[in-house]
N, C-alpha and C. Protein backbone atom coordinates (compact mmCIF):
# COMPACT_ATOMS: atom_id res chain seq x y z
N UNK A 1 76.08 68.53 98.59
CA UNK A 1 76.55 69.52 98.21
C UNK A 1 77.83 70.27 99.18
N UNK A 2 78.19 71.19 98.77
CA UNK A 2 79.10 71.91 99.80
C UNK A 2 78.33 73.05 100.07
N UNK A 3 78.17 73.57 101.45
CA UNK A 3 77.47 74.70 101.89
C UNK A 3 78.44 75.73 101.11
N UNK A 4 77.44 76.76 101.07
CA UNK A 4 78.09 78.29 100.37
C UNK A 4 79.08 78.83 101.52
N UNK A 5 78.61 79.17 102.58
CA UNK A 5 79.40 79.83 103.80
C UNK A 5 80.80 78.86 103.93
N UNK A 6 81.10 77.98 103.19
CA UNK A 6 82.22 77.15 103.48
C UNK A 6 83.59 77.63 103.17
N UNK A 7 83.08 78.30 102.04
CA UNK A 7 84.27 78.91 101.12
C UNK A 7 84.55 80.75 101.08
N UNK A 8 83.63 81.12 102.07
CA UNK A 8 83.47 82.34 102.68
C UNK A 8 84.66 82.70 103.53
N UNK A 9 85.41 83.86 103.02
CA UNK A 9 86.80 84.03 103.82
C UNK A 9 86.22 85.10 104.95
N UNK A 10 86.86 85.05 106.01
CA UNK A 10 86.88 85.81 107.17
C UNK A 10 87.70 87.47 106.62
N UNK A 11 87.11 88.33 106.33
CA UNK A 11 87.96 89.63 105.84
C UNK A 11 88.91 90.17 107.03
N UNK A 12 90.17 90.54 106.88
CA UNK A 12 90.83 91.10 108.01
C UNK A 12 90.92 90.36 109.01
N UNK A 13 91.47 89.07 108.83
CA UNK A 13 91.54 88.41 110.02
C UNK A 13 91.01 88.53 111.24
N UNK A 14 89.57 88.59 111.21
CA UNK A 14 88.58 88.62 112.41
C UNK A 14 88.94 87.93 113.72
N UNK A 15 89.06 86.50 113.37
CA UNK A 15 89.04 85.93 114.33
C UNK A 15 90.69 85.91 114.92
N UNK A 16 91.87 86.50 114.45
CA UNK A 16 92.93 86.46 115.06
C UNK A 16 93.15 87.73 116.09
N UNK A 17 93.31 87.88 117.15
CA UNK A 17 93.62 89.14 117.96
C UNK A 17 94.60 89.97 117.60
N UNK A 18 94.52 91.07 117.67
CA UNK A 18 95.65 92.03 117.53
C UNK A 18 96.97 92.09 118.02
N UNK A 19 96.85 91.35 119.25
CA UNK A 19 98.15 91.41 119.85
C UNK A 19 99.11 89.84 119.28
N UNK A 20 98.25 89.01 119.00
CA UNK A 20 98.98 87.94 118.15
C UNK A 20 99.28 88.37 116.53
N UNK A 21 98.94 89.04 116.12
CA UNK A 21 99.27 89.51 114.77
C UNK A 21 100.41 90.63 115.02
N UNK A 22 100.64 91.21 116.25
CA UNK A 22 101.61 92.40 116.71
C UNK A 22 102.81 91.29 116.89
N UNK A 23 102.38 90.15 117.68
CA UNK A 23 103.76 89.39 117.75
C UNK A 23 104.37 88.84 116.49
N UNK A 24 103.55 88.42 115.49
CA UNK A 24 104.22 87.81 114.48
C UNK A 24 104.57 88.72 113.81
N UNK A 25 104.07 90.24 113.60
CA UNK A 25 104.92 91.08 112.93
C UNK A 25 106.25 91.45 113.46
N UNK A 26 106.13 91.61 114.77
CA UNK A 26 107.08 91.78 115.25
C UNK A 26 108.21 91.03 114.65
N UNK A 27 107.94 89.45 115.11
CA UNK A 27 109.09 88.06 114.74
C UNK A 27 109.84 88.50 113.22
N UNK A 28 108.60 88.88 112.12
CA UNK A 28 109.10 88.69 110.95
C UNK A 28 109.74 89.86 110.60
N UNK A 29 109.42 90.97 111.06
CA UNK A 29 110.34 92.12 110.88
C UNK A 29 111.78 92.15 111.55
N UNK A 30 111.74 91.93 112.63
CA UNK A 30 113.06 91.52 113.44
C UNK A 30 113.89 90.58 112.74
N UNK A 31 113.37 89.54 112.43
CA UNK A 31 114.47 88.37 111.62
C UNK A 31 114.53 89.16 110.43
N UNK A 32 114.06 89.58 109.70
CA UNK A 32 114.36 90.07 108.20
C UNK A 32 115.49 91.26 108.39
N UNK A 33 115.20 91.93 109.37
CA UNK A 33 116.22 93.07 109.68
C UNK A 33 117.53 92.86 109.86
N UNK A 34 117.45 91.69 111.07
CA UNK A 34 118.78 91.10 111.48
C UNK A 34 119.67 90.42 110.11
N UNK A 35 118.96 89.83 109.62
CA UNK A 35 119.72 89.25 108.50
C UNK A 35 120.09 90.07 107.15
N UNK A 36 119.49 91.26 107.48
CA UNK A 36 119.83 92.28 106.24
C UNK A 36 121.01 92.79 106.78
N UNK A 37 120.85 93.68 108.02
CA UNK A 37 121.77 94.81 108.57
C UNK A 37 122.55 94.36 109.62
N UNK A 38 122.43 93.53 110.30
CA UNK A 38 123.13 92.76 111.17
C UNK A 38 124.03 91.68 110.97
N UNK A 39 124.13 91.13 110.17
CA UNK A 39 124.93 89.81 110.03
C UNK A 39 126.33 89.98 109.72
N UNK A 40 126.76 91.59 109.31
CA UNK A 40 128.12 91.80 108.93
C UNK A 40 128.93 91.94 110.64
N UNK A 41 130.06 91.83 110.78
CA UNK A 41 130.75 92.26 111.88
C UNK A 41 130.33 93.85 112.60
N UNK A 42 130.13 94.55 111.83
CA UNK A 42 129.60 95.87 112.23
C UNK A 42 128.03 96.14 111.94
N UNK A 43 127.23 96.37 112.96
CA UNK A 43 125.88 96.52 112.80
C UNK A 43 125.74 97.86 111.73
N UNK A 44 124.98 97.79 110.78
CA UNK A 44 124.38 98.68 109.90
C UNK A 44 123.40 99.85 110.75
N UNK A 45 123.72 101.05 110.87
CA UNK A 45 122.99 102.19 111.18
C UNK A 45 121.36 102.26 111.33
N UNK A 46 121.21 101.67 109.87
CA UNK A 46 119.70 101.39 109.54
C UNK A 46 119.06 100.38 110.32
N UNK A 47 119.51 99.29 110.85
CA UNK A 47 118.88 98.30 111.66
C UNK A 47 118.37 99.09 112.84
N UNK A 48 118.98 99.63 113.46
CA UNK A 48 118.38 100.74 114.62
C UNK A 48 117.20 101.64 114.29
N UNK A 49 117.32 102.46 112.83
CA UNK A 49 116.43 102.91 112.50
C UNK A 49 114.81 101.78 112.39
N UNK A 50 115.18 100.50 111.63
CA UNK A 50 114.09 99.91 111.69
C UNK A 50 113.41 99.19 113.12
N UNK A 51 114.40 99.04 114.00
CA UNK A 51 114.15 98.66 115.29
C UNK A 51 113.21 99.92 116.08
N UNK A 52 113.67 101.28 115.68
CA UNK A 52 112.94 102.23 116.25
C UNK A 52 111.41 102.33 115.87
N UNK A 53 111.36 102.21 114.56
CA UNK A 53 110.07 102.36 113.43
C UNK A 53 109.24 100.97 114.09
N UNK A 54 109.84 99.82 114.43
CA UNK A 54 108.84 99.10 115.03
C UNK A 54 108.40 99.01 116.52
N UNK A 55 109.34 99.91 117.17
CA UNK A 55 109.03 100.41 118.47
C UNK A 55 107.96 101.34 118.45
N UNK A 56 107.87 102.23 117.57
CA UNK A 56 106.72 102.75 117.27
C UNK A 56 105.58 102.56 116.96
N UNK A 57 105.50 101.52 115.89
CA UNK A 57 104.07 100.60 115.51
C UNK A 57 103.85 99.97 116.59
N UNK A 58 104.84 99.12 117.54
CA UNK A 58 104.33 98.22 118.66
C UNK A 58 103.40 99.28 119.84
N UNK A 59 104.08 100.76 119.78
CA UNK A 59 103.11 101.67 120.81
C UNK A 59 101.90 101.92 120.16
N UNK A 60 102.06 102.27 118.98
CA UNK A 60 100.61 102.58 118.49
C UNK A 60 99.37 101.48 118.61
N UNK A 61 100.09 100.29 118.03
CA UNK A 61 99.16 99.20 118.31
C UNK A 61 98.41 98.58 119.59
N UNK A 62 99.63 98.92 120.38
CA UNK A 62 99.27 98.51 121.71
C UNK A 62 98.48 99.80 122.49
N UNK A 63 98.19 101.09 122.18
CA UNK A 63 97.75 102.34 122.43
C UNK A 63 96.06 102.01 121.89
N UNK A 64 96.39 101.40 120.63
CA UNK A 64 94.98 101.21 120.25
C UNK A 64 94.01 100.21 120.45
N UNK A 65 94.56 99.13 121.09
CA UNK A 65 93.88 98.09 121.69
C UNK A 65 94.35 97.79 122.93
N UNK A 66 94.11 98.64 124.11
CA UNK A 66 94.24 98.57 125.28
C UNK A 66 93.33 97.84 125.89
N UNK A 67 92.18 97.67 125.73
CA UNK A 67 90.96 97.07 126.27
C UNK A 67 90.79 95.86 125.86
N UNK A 68 91.89 95.20 124.87
CA UNK A 68 91.97 93.50 124.50
C UNK A 68 93.14 93.00 125.23
N UNK A 69 94.28 93.90 125.72
CA UNK A 69 95.19 93.36 126.82
C UNK A 69 94.81 92.84 127.90
N UNK A 70 94.87 91.70 128.28
CA UNK A 70 94.80 91.05 129.47
C UNK A 70 96.06 90.60 130.18
N UNK A 71 96.25 90.03 130.96
CA UNK A 71 97.41 89.54 131.63
C UNK A 71 98.04 88.48 131.07
N UNK A 72 97.44 87.58 130.34
CA UNK A 72 98.08 86.00 129.27
C UNK A 72 98.60 86.82 128.14
N UNK A 73 98.02 87.68 127.70
CA UNK A 73 98.65 88.44 126.47
C UNK A 73 99.88 89.39 126.41
N UNK A 74 99.87 90.06 127.86
CA UNK A 74 101.11 90.79 128.04
C UNK A 74 102.15 89.85 128.57
N UNK A 75 101.92 88.84 129.04
CA UNK A 75 103.27 87.88 129.58
C UNK A 75 103.56 87.18 128.10
N UNK A 76 102.41 87.28 127.29
CA UNK A 76 102.84 86.58 125.99
C UNK A 76 103.98 87.42 125.32
N UNK A 77 103.48 88.76 125.00
CA UNK A 77 103.90 89.72 124.40
C UNK A 77 105.43 89.96 125.17
N UNK A 78 105.68 90.22 126.26
CA UNK A 78 107.06 90.16 126.95
C UNK A 78 107.79 89.04 126.65
N UNK A 79 107.46 87.72 126.86
CA UNK A 79 108.18 86.61 126.43
C UNK A 79 108.74 86.69 125.12
N UNK A 80 107.83 87.30 124.17
CA UNK A 80 108.39 87.28 122.56
C UNK A 80 109.35 88.09 122.49
N UNK A 81 109.43 89.45 123.39
CA UNK A 81 110.39 90.46 123.37
C UNK A 81 111.66 89.77 123.96
N UNK A 82 111.57 89.12 124.86
CA UNK A 82 112.85 88.56 125.41
C UNK A 82 113.30 87.41 124.17
N UNK A 83 112.39 86.84 123.74
CA UNK A 83 113.22 85.56 122.83
C UNK A 83 113.96 86.25 121.78
N UNK A 84 113.00 87.55 121.36
CA UNK A 84 113.70 88.25 120.35
C UNK A 84 115.11 88.93 120.69
N UNK A 85 115.51 89.10 121.86
CA UNK A 85 116.78 89.64 122.27
C UNK A 85 117.60 88.22 122.37
N UNK A 86 117.29 87.52 122.70
CA UNK A 86 117.69 85.80 122.55
C UNK A 86 118.25 85.54 121.02
N UNK A 87 117.29 86.00 120.13
CA UNK A 87 117.43 85.53 118.78
C UNK A 87 118.53 86.70 118.34
N UNK A 88 118.68 87.90 118.56
CA UNK A 88 119.33 88.52 118.26
C UNK A 88 120.99 88.36 118.62
N UNK A 89 121.29 87.77 119.63
CA UNK A 89 122.56 87.54 120.10
C UNK A 89 122.65 86.04 119.52
N UNK A 90 121.72 85.12 119.21
CA UNK A 90 122.14 84.21 118.32
C UNK A 90 122.47 84.35 117.17
N UNK A 91 121.72 85.11 116.20
CA UNK A 91 122.08 85.65 115.09
C UNK A 91 123.36 86.17 114.96
N UNK A 92 123.65 87.10 115.98
CA UNK A 92 125.04 87.76 116.11
C UNK A 92 126.21 87.00 116.09
N UNK A 93 126.33 85.48 116.76
CA UNK A 93 127.21 84.44 116.83
C UNK A 93 127.54 83.75 115.22
N UNK A 94 126.77 84.23 114.43
CA UNK A 94 127.44 83.93 113.06
C UNK A 94 127.34 84.89 112.34
N UNK A 95 127.83 86.03 112.79
CA UNK A 95 127.90 87.49 111.80
C UNK A 95 129.41 87.06 110.94
N UNK A 96 129.42 87.54 109.80
CA UNK A 96 130.87 87.52 109.24
C UNK A 96 131.09 89.02 108.76
N UNK A 97 132.51 88.82 108.20
CA UNK A 97 132.95 89.92 107.88
C UNK A 97 132.73 90.39 106.42
N UNK A 98 132.19 91.63 106.01
CA UNK A 98 131.52 91.76 104.98
C UNK A 98 132.32 92.87 103.92
C-alpha cells in the first residue's frame, strides 16, 4: 500500500525560500505588465504604477526576511533584476503602434 504521508501537501510552500518566491513573483508580474501596458509605441503610465508597487512589495519582503539573505541569494536577486531590464528592452523592440 501507499504510505499515508505521501499525499500530504506542505502548506504555504514551506520548502521554498521566500527569496526564490520573490524572484518568481517579480518575473510574472513584470512580464504580464510589460505585455499589457508597454507593448504600444507609448508606454502606459499605469505600467510605472505597477512597477512602483512591485518595488514596494520587494522592499517589504526583503525587510521581513533579512535573516534569510546570504551572498548567493543576493547575487541571484541582482541577476534577476538585470535579466528583467534586458527583457524589458527585448520586449520593447517588438512594440507596435496602438
